Each structure stands twice: as structure tokens, then as C-alpha cells.
Amino acid sequence: MLIDTHCHLDAAEYDADRDAVTERAQRAGVEQIIVPAVAAFNFESTIDCRRYPGVEIALGLHPMYVHVHREEHLVQLDEAIRDYRPIAVGEIGLDRFQSRLDRPGVNEEDLERQEFLYMEQLKLASKYNLPVLLHIRRANDQILKYLRRIKVPGGIAHAFNGSIQQAQEYIKLGFKLGFGGAMTYTRATSLRKLAAELPLDSIVLETDGPDIPPEWISRQRNEPAELPRIAKALAELRGIGLEEVSRQTSKNAQEILGLKSSA
């Protein structure tokens, strides 16, 4: 059994064969898939993914769509959480790369807007006692700062790529760290070292399909059926069996997201 803790199954890239994608995942042993929303405009398509066996959803406003989000969307999100009971608030967070804030003086207003939306969504997660699915690019310290201020019941640092010290801070706050296709590239030495050395009970697996394809399908569409090979890559990095990786990462996901086996 495996759990894909992050896949955008409602994305247009799957429109032609979404049924087949979910069937391949099931046949590959991916028992559950978590589908996060990115904006109010895709709440409905995200919720619709629940029609597939083993699919659960998260609802949130993604930082890369900062120019799309409006304050009334926070009200819509609140209502959708209340009415549709997602298992998490997400995908939320901060993206300094997308805002090009690695370049001094560029798009500072974007980051301020991102921080406002992130903070308000943490408040919703706290209100509904839900974990959060975090999008983090060049912003781990800022993400952690708000997590210390606004208490939420943990969650997942999606596509984690921070330092060992930052990883330890997330773990202290009750978070799991998401690893996926990026870990499979031999050139990703720092990330592979983290995957090999972090406590296994702090790791969950993900594809981020259709994005972040693993090395063997580089530049092609990613999908949940690739998760077993991603799990195998993690097992090899750690020098342990695939069965242990599958069992422990699934247990981690179930604990942090309140999942029950769909079997």
C-alpha cells in the first residue's frame, strides 16, 4: 500500500484519460491520493475528484495564483471547508521564486499579499482543526515564522527542499516532509542526503502530478502510478526494504491527515 499525498488530479493534463490514470494508480498499489485545490476557480473540480476510489481532497489558495485570489475567496474557502469537509487546508504557503523576490526590490507587494493569504488560511485551519499542505519555495524561514504564531494540527511540507535544521523545525511543529520525483535525480545531492538521513517516520511520499516527474520520465507528465518507483528510490537511498518504506510512509500520511485505509 502507498499513499500519494499530493497530486493535482483535476489538472487539465489529465482530462483525456483521468479514469485510466486512477486505474493505473490502483493497479500499482497506490491506495489513496490526496488532491489539493489551488484557487477558488478549481474548488469544484477538486471536489469532483472524490468520485474516484481512495481519493481525498484539500482546499486552499495557492501562492502562485496570488494575482487571482480576492478576499472574498477566503470567505468561499471558509464555506467550502464547512460544507465539503476536506481532510486538509491546501495547497497554501509562500513562493519567493515565483514572485522573483530572490531579486532585491522586485515584487515585494506580491509577497506581502501571499503572506496575508497564508496567514488567513492558517487561521481557517486552526478554526476547523485541520492540517495544512504547504507550498514552499525559498521561504522556509518565513513559513515557519507563521506556523509558530498560528497553531495548526501539523501537516505536510510539500516538495521539501530545505536544510536539515529547517526539517527539524517542521518536525518539532508536528509536520511531515514530502518527498517525490525530485529526489530521484542523481544531481540532487542535498535532497537525496536529506531523504537518506531524516527519520523515516517524518517522511511522506508524493508525486505532485502532473508536475515534478521523476528522472525516468523527465519532462513528461507525472502521475500517481509512478509512486512505487519513487518509493523504491527512497528505499535504495536509505538501504532498507521497499516494504518498510511503503508501510512507514503510509502510516505517516494516515496519522498526519487522519486517513483510514480505503481497502
C-alpha atoms as a PDB file:
ATOM      1  CA  MET A   1       0.000   0.000   0.000  1.00  0.00           C
ATOM      2  CA  LEU A   2       1.165   3.504  -0.900  1.00  0.00           C
ATOM      3  CA  ILE A   3      -0.346   6.965  -0.445  1.00  0.00           C
ATOM      4  CA  ASP A   4       0.261   9.806  -2.887  1.00  0.00           C
ATOM      5  CA  THR A   5      -0.068  12.770  -0.538  1.00  0.00           C
ATOM      6  CA  HIS A   6      -0.031  15.382  -3.310  1.00  0.00           C
ATOM      7  CA  CYS A   7      -1.424  15.064  -6.844  1.00  0.00           C
ATOM      8  CA  HIS A   8      -3.388  17.629  -8.873  1.00  0.00           C
ATOM      9  CA  LEU A   9      -5.692  15.015 -10.351  1.00  0.00           C
ATOM     10  CA  ASP A  10      -8.142  17.666 -11.568  1.00  0.00           C
ATOM     11  CA  ALA A  11      -5.478  19.321 -13.774  1.00  0.00           C
ATOM     12  CA  ALA A  12      -6.162  19.733 -17.487  1.00  0.00           C
ATOM     13  CA  GLU A  13      -3.228  17.444 -18.274  1.00  0.00           C
ATOM     14  CA  TYR A  14      -5.392  14.525 -17.099  1.00  0.00           C
ATOM     15  CA  ASP A  15      -8.592  15.482 -18.927  1.00  0.00           C
ATOM     16  CA  ALA A  16      -8.107  12.955 -21.733  1.00  0.00           C
ATOM     17  CA  ASP A  17      -7.509   9.909 -19.522  1.00  0.00           C
ATOM     18  CA  ARG A  18      -8.272  10.686 -15.864  1.00  0.00           C
ATOM     19  CA  ASP A  19     -10.146   7.408 -15.386  1.00  0.00           C
ATOM     20  CA  ALA A  20      -7.182   5.448 -16.741  1.00  0.00           C
ATOM     21  CA  VAL A  21      -4.760   7.419 -14.540  1.00  0.00           C
ATOM     22  CA  THR A  22      -6.661   6.436 -11.401  1.00  0.00           C
ATOM     23  CA  GLU A  23      -6.969   2.833 -12.553  1.00  0.00           C
ATOM     24  CA  ARG A  24      -3.215   2.604 -13.171  1.00  0.00           C
ATOM     25  CA  ALA A  25      -2.590   4.022  -9.705  1.00  0.00           C
ATOM     26  CA  GLN A  26      -4.822   1.417  -8.087  1.00  0.00           C
ATOM     27  CA  ARG A  27      -3.154  -1.402 -10.019  1.00  0.00           C
ATOM     28  CA  ALA A  28       0.263  -0.088  -8.950  1.00  0.00           C
ATOM     29  CA  GLY A  29      -0.727  -0.297  -5.281  1.00  0.00           C
ATOM     30  CA  VAL A  30      -1.394   3.407  -4.712  1.00  0.00           C
ATOM     31  CA  GLU A  31      -4.390   3.031  -2.448  1.00  0.00           C
ATOM     32  CA  GLN A  32      -5.035   6.695  -1.686  1.00  0.00           C
ATOM     33  CA  ILE A  33      -4.450  10.013  -3.456  1.00  0.00           C
ATOM     34  CA  ILE A  34      -4.730  13.485  -1.942  1.00  0.00           C
ATOM     35  CA  VAL A  35      -5.855  16.189  -4.377  1.00  0.00           C
ATOM     36  CA  PRO A  36      -5.247  19.805  -3.280  1.00  0.00           C
ATOM     37  CA  ALA A  37      -7.020  22.810  -4.773  1.00  0.00           C
ATOM     38  CA  VAL A  38      -5.099  25.892  -5.901  1.00  0.00           C
ATOM     39  CA  ALA A  39      -7.785  28.594  -6.183  1.00  0.00           C
ATOM     40  CA  ALA A  40     -11.497  29.211  -5.826  1.00  0.00           C
ATOM     41  CA  PHE A  41     -11.925  28.525  -9.535  1.00  0.00           C
ATOM     42  CA  ASN A  42     -10.964  24.863  -9.086  1.00  0.00           C
ATOM     43  CA  PHE A  43     -12.723  24.042  -5.826  1.00  0.00           C
ATOM     44  CA  GLU A  44     -15.488  22.325  -7.805  1.00  0.00           C
ATOM     45  CA  SER A  45     -13.153  20.213  -9.970  1.00  0.00           C
ATOM     46  CA  THR A  46     -11.118  19.252  -6.910  1.00  0.00           C
ATOM     47  CA  ILE A  47     -14.225  18.180  -5.006  1.00  0.00           C
ATOM     48  CA  ASP A  48     -15.374  16.187  -8.061  1.00  0.00           C
ATOM     49  CA  CYS A  49     -12.230  14.018  -7.804  1.00  0.00           C
ATOM     50  CA  ARG A  50     -13.786  12.368  -4.750  1.00  0.00           C
ATOM     51  CA  ARG A  51     -15.767  10.195  -7.153  1.00  0.00           C
ATOM     52  CA  TYR A  52     -12.654   8.061  -7.587  1.00  0.00           C
ATOM     53  CA  PRO A  53     -11.900   5.305  -5.053  1.00  0.00           C
ATOM     54  CA  GLY A  54      -9.365   6.295  -2.418  1.00  0.00           C
ATOM     55  CA  VAL A  55      -9.290   9.992  -3.324  1.00  0.00           C
ATOM     56  CA  GLU A  56      -9.456  12.668  -0.636  1.00  0.00           C
ATOM     57  CA  ILE A  57      -9.198  16.427  -1.107  1.00  0.00           C
ATOM     58  CA  ALA A  58      -7.692  19.544   0.393  1.00  0.00           C
ATOM     59  CA  LEU A  59      -8.994  23.054  -0.276  1.00  0.00           C
ATOM     60  CA  GLY A  60      -6.882  26.186  -0.344  1.00  0.00           C
ATOM     61  CA  LEU A  61      -5.491  29.194  -2.216  1.00  0.00           C
ATOM     62  CA  HIS A  62      -2.063  28.555  -3.757  1.00  0.00           C
ATOM     63  CA  PRO A  63       0.548  31.366  -3.542  1.00  0.00           C
ATOM     64  CA  MET A  64       1.413  31.103  -7.249  1.00  0.00           C
ATOM     65  CA  TYR A  65      -2.110  32.365  -8.030  1.00  0.00           C
ATOM     66  CA  VAL A  66      -1.739  35.446  -5.855  1.00  0.00           C
ATOM     67  CA  HIS A  67      -2.977  37.719  -8.680  1.00  0.00           C
ATOM     68  CA  VAL A  68      -6.173  35.668  -8.999  1.00  0.00           C
ATOM     69  CA  HIS A  69      -7.153  35.490  -5.340  1.00  0.00           C
ATOM     70  CA  ARG A  70      -9.553  38.006  -3.824  1.00  0.00           C
ATOM     71  CA  GLU A  71     -10.511  38.490  -0.192  1.00  0.00           C
ATOM     72  CA  GLU A  72     -13.973  37.123  -0.943  1.00  0.00           C
ATOM     73  CA  HIS A  73     -12.275  33.858  -1.929  1.00  0.00           C
ATOM     74  CA  LEU A  74     -11.289  33.424   1.700  1.00  0.00           C
ATOM     75  CA  VAL A  75     -14.999  33.529   2.537  1.00  0.00           C
ATOM     76  CA  GLN A  76     -15.665  30.956  -0.187  1.00  0.00           C
ATOM     77  CA  LEU A  77     -12.895  28.789   1.213  1.00  0.00           C
ATOM     78  CA  ASP A  78     -14.343  29.000   4.709  1.00  0.00           C
ATOM     79  CA  GLU A  79     -17.761  27.955   3.392  1.00  0.00           C
ATOM     80  CA  ALA A  80     -16.306  25.142   1.265  1.00  0.00           C
ATOM     81  CA  ILE A  81     -14.366  23.740   4.211  1.00  0.00           C
ATOM     82  CA  ARG A  82     -17.523  23.819   6.307  1.00  0.00           C
ATOM     83  CA  ASP A  83     -19.703  22.220   3.621  1.00  0.00           C
ATOM     84  CA  TYR A  84     -17.353  19.700   1.976  1.00  0.00           C
ATOM     85  CA  ARG A  85     -15.105  18.696   4.892  1.00  0.00           C
ATOM     86  CA  PRO A  86     -11.717  18.315   3.204  1.00  0.00           C
ATOM     87  CA  ILE A  87      -9.010  16.458   5.092  1.00  0.00           C
ATOM     88  CA  ALA A  88      -6.648  19.471   4.974  1.00  0.00           C
ATOM     89  CA  VAL A  89      -6.305  23.124   4.024  1.00  0.00           C
ATOM     90  CA  GLY A  90      -4.091  23.335   0.991  1.00  0.00           C
ATOM     91  CA  GLU A  91      -2.274  23.986  -1.122  1.00  0.00           C
ATOM     92  CA  ILE A  92      -1.169  27.105   0.744  1.00  0.00           C
ATOM     93  CA  GLY A  93       2.133  28.804   1.521  1.00  0.00           C
ATOM     94  CA  LEU A  94       4.722  31.181   0.109  1.00  0.00           C
ATOM     95  CA  ASP A  95       6.622  31.263  -3.181  1.00  0.00           C
ATOM     96  CA  ARG A  96       9.571  33.660  -3.293  1.00  0.00           C
ATOM     97  CA  PHE A  97      10.799  32.145  -6.553  1.00  0.00           C
ATOM     98  CA  GLN A  98       7.572  32.689  -8.464  1.00  0.00           C
ATOM     99  CA  SER A  99       7.444  36.258  -7.171  1.00  0.00           C
ATOM    100  CA  ARG A 100      11.102  36.684  -8.152  1.00  0.00           C
ATOM    101  CA  LEU A 101      11.751  38.022  -4.684  1.00  0.00           C
ATOM    102  CA  ASP A 102      15.190  36.489  -4.800  1.00  0.00           C
ATOM    103  CA  ARG A 103      15.945  39.679  -6.744  1.00  0.00           C
ATOM    104  CA  PRO A 104      16.011  42.590  -4.275  1.00  0.00           C
ATOM    105  CA  GLY A 105      13.241  45.102  -4.679  1.00  0.00           C
ATOM    106  CA  VAL A 106      11.163  43.057  -7.144  1.00  0.00           C
ATOM    107  CA  ASN A 107       7.500  42.272  -6.403  1.00  0.00           C
ATOM    108  CA  GLU A 108       7.646  42.937  -2.669  1.00  0.00           C
ATOM    109  CA  GLU A 109       3.908  43.643  -2.825  1.00  0.00           C
ATOM    110  CA  ASP A 110       3.300  40.108  -4.115  1.00  0.00           C
ATOM    111  CA  LEU A 111       4.981  38.547  -1.111  1.00  0.00           C
ATOM    112  CA  GLU A 112       3.037  40.748   1.296  1.00  0.00           C
ATOM    113  CA  ARG A 113      -0.166  39.583  -0.371  1.00  0.00           C
ATOM    114  CA  GLN A 114       0.994  35.969  -0.209  1.00  0.00           C
ATOM    115  CA  GLU A 115       1.777  36.336   3.480  1.00  0.00           C
ATOM    116  CA  PHE A 116      -1.666  37.786   4.168  1.00  0.00           C
ATOM    117  CA  LEU A 117      -3.414  34.908   2.381  1.00  0.00           C
ATOM    118  CA  TYR A 118      -1.175  32.320   4.021  1.00  0.00           C
ATOM    119  CA  MET A 119      -1.833  33.735   7.491  1.00  0.00           C
ATOM    120  CA  GLU A 120      -5.607  33.867   6.944  1.00  0.00           C
ATOM    121  CA  GLN A 121      -5.645  30.264   5.735  1.00  0.00           C
ATOM    122  CA  LEU A 122      -3.652  29.128   8.751  1.00  0.00           C
ATOM    123  CA  LYS A 123      -6.382  30.734  10.831  1.00  0.00           C
ATOM    124  CA  LEU A 124      -9.001  28.703   8.948  1.00  0.00           C
ATOM    125  CA  ALA A 125      -7.002  25.516   9.518  1.00  0.00           C
ATOM    126  CA  SER A 126      -6.866  26.349  13.207  1.00  0.00           C
ATOM    127  CA  LYS A 127     -10.592  27.122  13.259  1.00  0.00           C
ATOM    128  CA  TYR A 128     -11.502  23.765  11.715  1.00  0.00           C
ATOM    129  CA  ASN A 129      -8.673  21.822  13.396  1.00  0.00           C
ATOM    130  CA  LEU A 130      -7.274  20.704  10.030  1.00  0.00           C
ATOM    131  CA  PRO A 131      -3.686  20.025   8.949  1.00  0.00           C
ATOM    132  CA  VAL A 132      -2.195  22.078   6.120  1.00  0.00           C
ATOM    133  CA  LEU A 133      -0.450  21.192   2.843  1.00  0.00           C
ATOM    134  CA  LEU A 134       2.371  23.691   2.413  1.00  0.00           C
ATOM    135  CA  HIS A 135       3.854  25.040  -0.806  1.00  0.00           C
ATOM    136  CA  ILE A 136       7.320  26.398  -0.002  1.00  0.00           C
ATOM    137  CA  ARG A 137       9.842  27.861  -2.419  1.00  0.00           C
ATOM    138  CA  ARG A 138      12.759  29.806  -0.989  1.00  0.00           C
ATOM    139  CA  ALA A 139      10.591  30.647   2.007  1.00  0.00           C
ATOM    140  CA  ASN A 140      11.100  28.031   4.725  1.00  0.00           C
ATOM    141  CA  ASP A 141      12.020  30.524   7.438  1.00  0.00           C
ATOM    142  CA  GLN A 142       9.023  32.737   6.655  1.00  0.00           C
ATOM    143  CA  ILE A 143       6.693  29.720   6.565  1.00  0.00           C
ATOM    144  CA  LEU A 144       7.984  28.547   9.928  1.00  0.00           C
ATOM    145  CA  LYS A 145       7.610  32.010  11.447  1.00  0.00           C
ATOM    146  CA  TYR A 146       3.853  31.989  10.841  1.00  0.00           C
ATOM    147  CA  LEU A 147       3.479  28.365  11.946  1.00  0.00           C
ATOM    148  CA  ARG A 148       4.902  29.359  15.311  1.00  0.00           C
ATOM    149  CA  ARG A 149       2.415  32.226  15.591  1.00  0.00           C
ATOM    150  CA  ILE A 150      -0.729  30.411  14.417  1.00  0.00           C
ATOM    151  CA  LYS A 151      -1.039  26.898  15.754  1.00  0.00           C
ATOM    152  CA  VAL A 152      -2.375  24.230  13.405  1.00  0.00           C
ATOM    153  CA  PRO A 153      -2.513  20.439  13.892  1.00  0.00           C
ATOM    154  CA  GLY A 154       0.535  19.791  11.738  1.00  0.00           C
ATOM    155  CA  GLY A 155       0.523  18.963   8.066  1.00  0.00           C
ATOM    156  CA  ILE A 156       2.935  18.308   5.212  1.00  0.00           C
ATOM    157  CA  ALA A 157       5.792  20.436   3.906  1.00  0.00           C
ATOM    158  CA  HIS A 158       5.182  19.526   0.273  1.00  0.00           C
ATOM    159  CA  ALA A 159       8.228  19.002  -2.005  1.00  0.00           C
ATOM    160  CA  PHE A 160      10.553  19.700   0.894  1.00  0.00           C
ATOM    161  CA  ASN A 161      13.913  21.122  -0.112  1.00  0.00           C
ATOM    162  CA  GLY A 162      15.232  22.977   2.914  1.00  0.00           C
ATOM    163  CA  SER A 163      18.090  22.439   5.311  1.00  0.00           C
ATOM    164  CA  ILE A 164      18.368  19.754   7.962  1.00  0.00           C
ATOM    165  CA  GLN A 165      17.807  22.454  10.606  1.00  0.00           C
ATOM    166  CA  GLN A 166      14.610  23.605   8.883  1.00  0.00           C
ATOM    167  CA  ALA A 167      13.461  19.991   8.558  1.00  0.00           C
ATOM    168  CA  GLN A 168      13.928  19.549  12.291  1.00  0.00           C
ATOM    169  CA  GLU A 169      11.857  22.674  12.966  1.00  0.00           C
ATOM    170  CA  TYR A 170       8.969  21.354  10.870  1.00  0.00           C
ATOM    171  CA  ILE A 171       9.148  18.027  12.684  1.00  0.00           C
ATOM    172  CA  LYS A 172       9.051  19.803  16.058  1.00  0.00           C
ATOM    173  CA  LEU A 173       5.865  21.553  14.929  1.00  0.00           C
ATOM    174  CA  GLY A 174       4.217  18.227  14.080  1.00  0.00           C
ATOM    175  CA  PHE A 175       4.817  18.224  10.319  1.00  0.00           C
ATOM    176  CA  LYS A 176       5.811  15.521   7.869  1.00  0.00           C
ATOM    177  CA  LEU A 177       8.100  16.222   4.917  1.00  0.00           C
ATOM    178  CA  GLY A 178       7.026  15.375   1.369  1.00  0.00           C
ATOM    179  CA  PHE A 179       9.483  13.670  -0.995  1.00  0.00           C
ATOM    180  CA  GLY A 180       8.821  12.778  -4.609  1.00  0.00           C
ATOM    181  CA  GLY A 181      10.297  12.823  -8.088  1.00  0.00           C
ATOM    182  CA  ALA A 182      12.948  15.466  -7.394  1.00  0.00           C
ATOM    183  CA  MET A 183      14.656  13.026  -5.030  1.00  0.00           C
ATOM    184  CA  THR A 184      15.272  10.554  -7.875  1.00  0.00           C
ATOM    185  CA  TYR A 185      17.744  12.776  -9.771  1.00  0.00           C
ATOM    186  CA  THR A 186      21.350  11.847  -9.039  1.00  0.00           C
ATOM    187  CA  ARG A 187      22.391  15.507  -9.259  1.00  0.00           C
ATOM    188  CA  ALA A 188      20.036  16.394  -6.362  1.00  0.00           C
ATOM    189  CA  THR A 189      22.728  15.542  -3.826  1.00  0.00           C
ATOM    190  CA  SER A 190      21.493  17.677  -0.921  1.00  0.00           C
ATOM    191  CA  LEU A 191      17.918  16.484  -1.287  1.00  0.00           C
ATOM    192  CA  ARG A 192      18.976  12.848  -1.551  1.00  0.00           C
ATOM    193  CA  LYS A 193      21.086  13.224   1.574  1.00  0.00           C
ATOM    194  CA  LEU A 194      18.054  14.532   3.453  1.00  0.00           C
ATOM    195  CA  ALA A 195      15.902  11.680   2.176  1.00  0.00           C
ATOM    196  CA  ALA A 196      18.527   9.190   3.332  1.00  0.00           C
ATOM    197  CA  GLU A 197      19.159  10.663   6.771  1.00  0.00           C
ATOM    198  CA  LEU A 198      15.908  12.173   8.088  1.00  0.00           C
ATOM    199  CA  PRO A 199      13.875   9.938  10.408  1.00  0.00           C
ATOM    200  CA  LEU A 200      11.681   7.694   8.271  1.00  0.00           C
ATOM    201  CA  ASP A 201       8.707   8.480  10.496  1.00  0.00           C
ATOM    202  CA  SER A 202       8.933  12.108   9.328  1.00  0.00           C
ATOM    203  CA  ILE A 203       8.630  11.349   5.588  1.00  0.00           C
ATOM    204  CA  VAL A 204       5.619  11.011   3.290  1.00  0.00           C
ATOM    205  CA  LEU A 205       5.613  10.279  -0.432  1.00  0.00           C
ATOM    206  CA  GLU A 206       4.066  12.316  -3.232  1.00  0.00           C
ATOM    207  CA  THR A 207       4.129  12.780  -6.989  1.00  0.00           C
ATOM    208  CA  ASP A 208       2.814  16.346  -7.410  1.00  0.00           C
ATOM    209  CA  GLY A 209       1.418  15.018 -10.672  1.00  0.00           C
ATOM    210  CA  PRO A 210       1.297  16.185 -13.366  1.00  0.00           C
ATOM    211  CA  ASP A 211       4.435  18.064 -12.265  1.00  0.00           C
ATOM    212  CA  ILE A 212       7.880  17.147 -10.813  1.00  0.00           C
ATOM    213  CA  PRO A 213       8.359  13.971 -12.874  1.00  0.00           C
ATOM    214  CA  PRO A 214      10.970  11.505 -11.621  1.00  0.00           C
ATOM    215  CA  GLU A 215      14.218  11.039 -13.524  1.00  0.00           C
ATOM    216  CA  TRP A 216      12.992   8.132 -15.661  1.00  0.00           C
ATOM    217  CA  ILE A 217      10.201  10.237 -17.229  1.00  0.00           C
ATOM    218  CA  SER A 218      11.953  13.600 -17.124  1.00  0.00           C
ATOM    219  CA  ARG A 219       9.973  16.352 -18.902  1.00  0.00           C
ATOM    220  CA  GLN A 220       6.948  14.064 -19.295  1.00  0.00           C
ATOM    221  CA  ARG A 221       3.647  14.091 -17.422  1.00  0.00           C
ATOM    222  CA  ASN A 222       3.865  12.648 -13.933  1.00  0.00           C
ATOM    223  CA  GLU A 223       1.099  10.540 -12.356  1.00  0.00           C
ATOM    224  CA  PRO A 224       0.397   8.525  -9.180  1.00  0.00           C
ATOM    225  CA  ALA A 225       1.340   5.197 -10.805  1.00  0.00           C
ATOM    226  CA  GLU A 226       4.978   6.351 -10.626  1.00  0.00           C
ATOM    227  CA  LEU A 227       4.880   6.330  -6.819  1.00  0.00           C
ATOM    228  CA  PRO A 228       6.113   2.739  -6.350  1.00  0.00           C
ATOM    229  CA  ARG A 229       9.340   3.527  -8.217  1.00  0.00           C
ATOM    230  CA  ILE A 230       9.720   6.721  -6.183  1.00  0.00           C
ATOM    231  CA  ALA A 231       9.300   4.635  -3.021  1.00  0.00           C
ATOM    232  CA  LYS A 232      11.911   2.196  -4.342  1.00  0.00           C
ATOM    233  CA  ALA A 233      14.326   5.090  -4.906  1.00  0.00           C
ATOM    234  CA  LEU A 234      13.844   6.167  -1.289  1.00  0.00           C
ATOM    235  CA  ALA A 235      14.389   2.613  -0.060  1.00  0.00           C
ATOM    236  CA  GLU A 236      17.641   2.387  -2.020  1.00  0.00           C
ATOM    237  CA  LEU A 237      18.879   5.715  -0.668  1.00  0.00           C
ATOM    238  CA  ARG A 238      18.232   4.520   2.872  1.00  0.00           C
ATOM    239  CA  GLY A 239      19.473   0.975   2.345  1.00  0.00           C
ATOM    240  CA  ILE A 240      16.236  -0.601   3.557  1.00  0.00           C
ATOM    241  CA  GLY A 241      13.451  -2.676   2.031  1.00  0.00           C
ATOM    242  CA  LEU A 242      10.673  -1.281  -0.131  1.00  0.00           C
ATOM    243  CA  GLU A 243       8.083  -2.870   2.137  1.00  0.00           C
ATOM    244  CA  GLU A 244       9.358  -0.912   5.134  1.00  0.00           C
ATOM    245  CA  VAL A 245       9.298   2.364   3.209  1.00  0.00           C
ATOM    246  CA  SER A 246       5.774   1.697   1.937  1.00  0.00           C
ATOM    247  CA  ARG A 247       4.464   0.722   5.358  1.00  0.00           C
ATOM    248  CA  GLN A 248       6.027   3.587   7.300  1.00  0.00           C
ATOM    249  CA  THR A 249       5.333   6.404   4.827  1.00  0.00           C
ATOM    250  CA  SER A 250       1.711   5.268   4.533  1.00  0.00           C
ATOM    251  CA  LYS A 251       1.402   5.174   8.307  1.00  0.00           C
ATOM    252  CA  ASN A 252       2.879   8.680   8.476  1.00  0.00           C
ATOM    253  CA  ALA A 253       0.372  10.000   5.948  1.00  0.00           C
ATOM    254  CA  GLN A 254      -2.548   8.352   7.709  1.00  0.00           C
ATOM    255  CA  GLU A 255      -1.521   9.816  11.053  1.00  0.00           C
ATOM    256  CA  ILE A 256      -0.957  13.380   9.882  1.00  0.00           C
ATOM    257  CA  LEU A 257      -4.040  13.544   7.618  1.00  0.00           C
ATOM    258  CA  GLY A 258      -6.420  11.422   9.656  1.00  0.00           C
ATOM    259  CA  LEU A 259      -6.804   8.890   6.850  1.00  0.00           C
ATOM    260  CA  LYS A 260      -8.289   5.446   7.081  1.00  0.00           C
ATOM    261  CA  SER A 261      -7.411   2.651   4.698  1.00  0.00           C
ATOM    262  CA  SER A 262      -9.736   2.536   1.683  1.00  0.00           C
ATOM    263  CA  ALA A 263      -9.258  -1.218   1.408  1.00  0.00           C
END
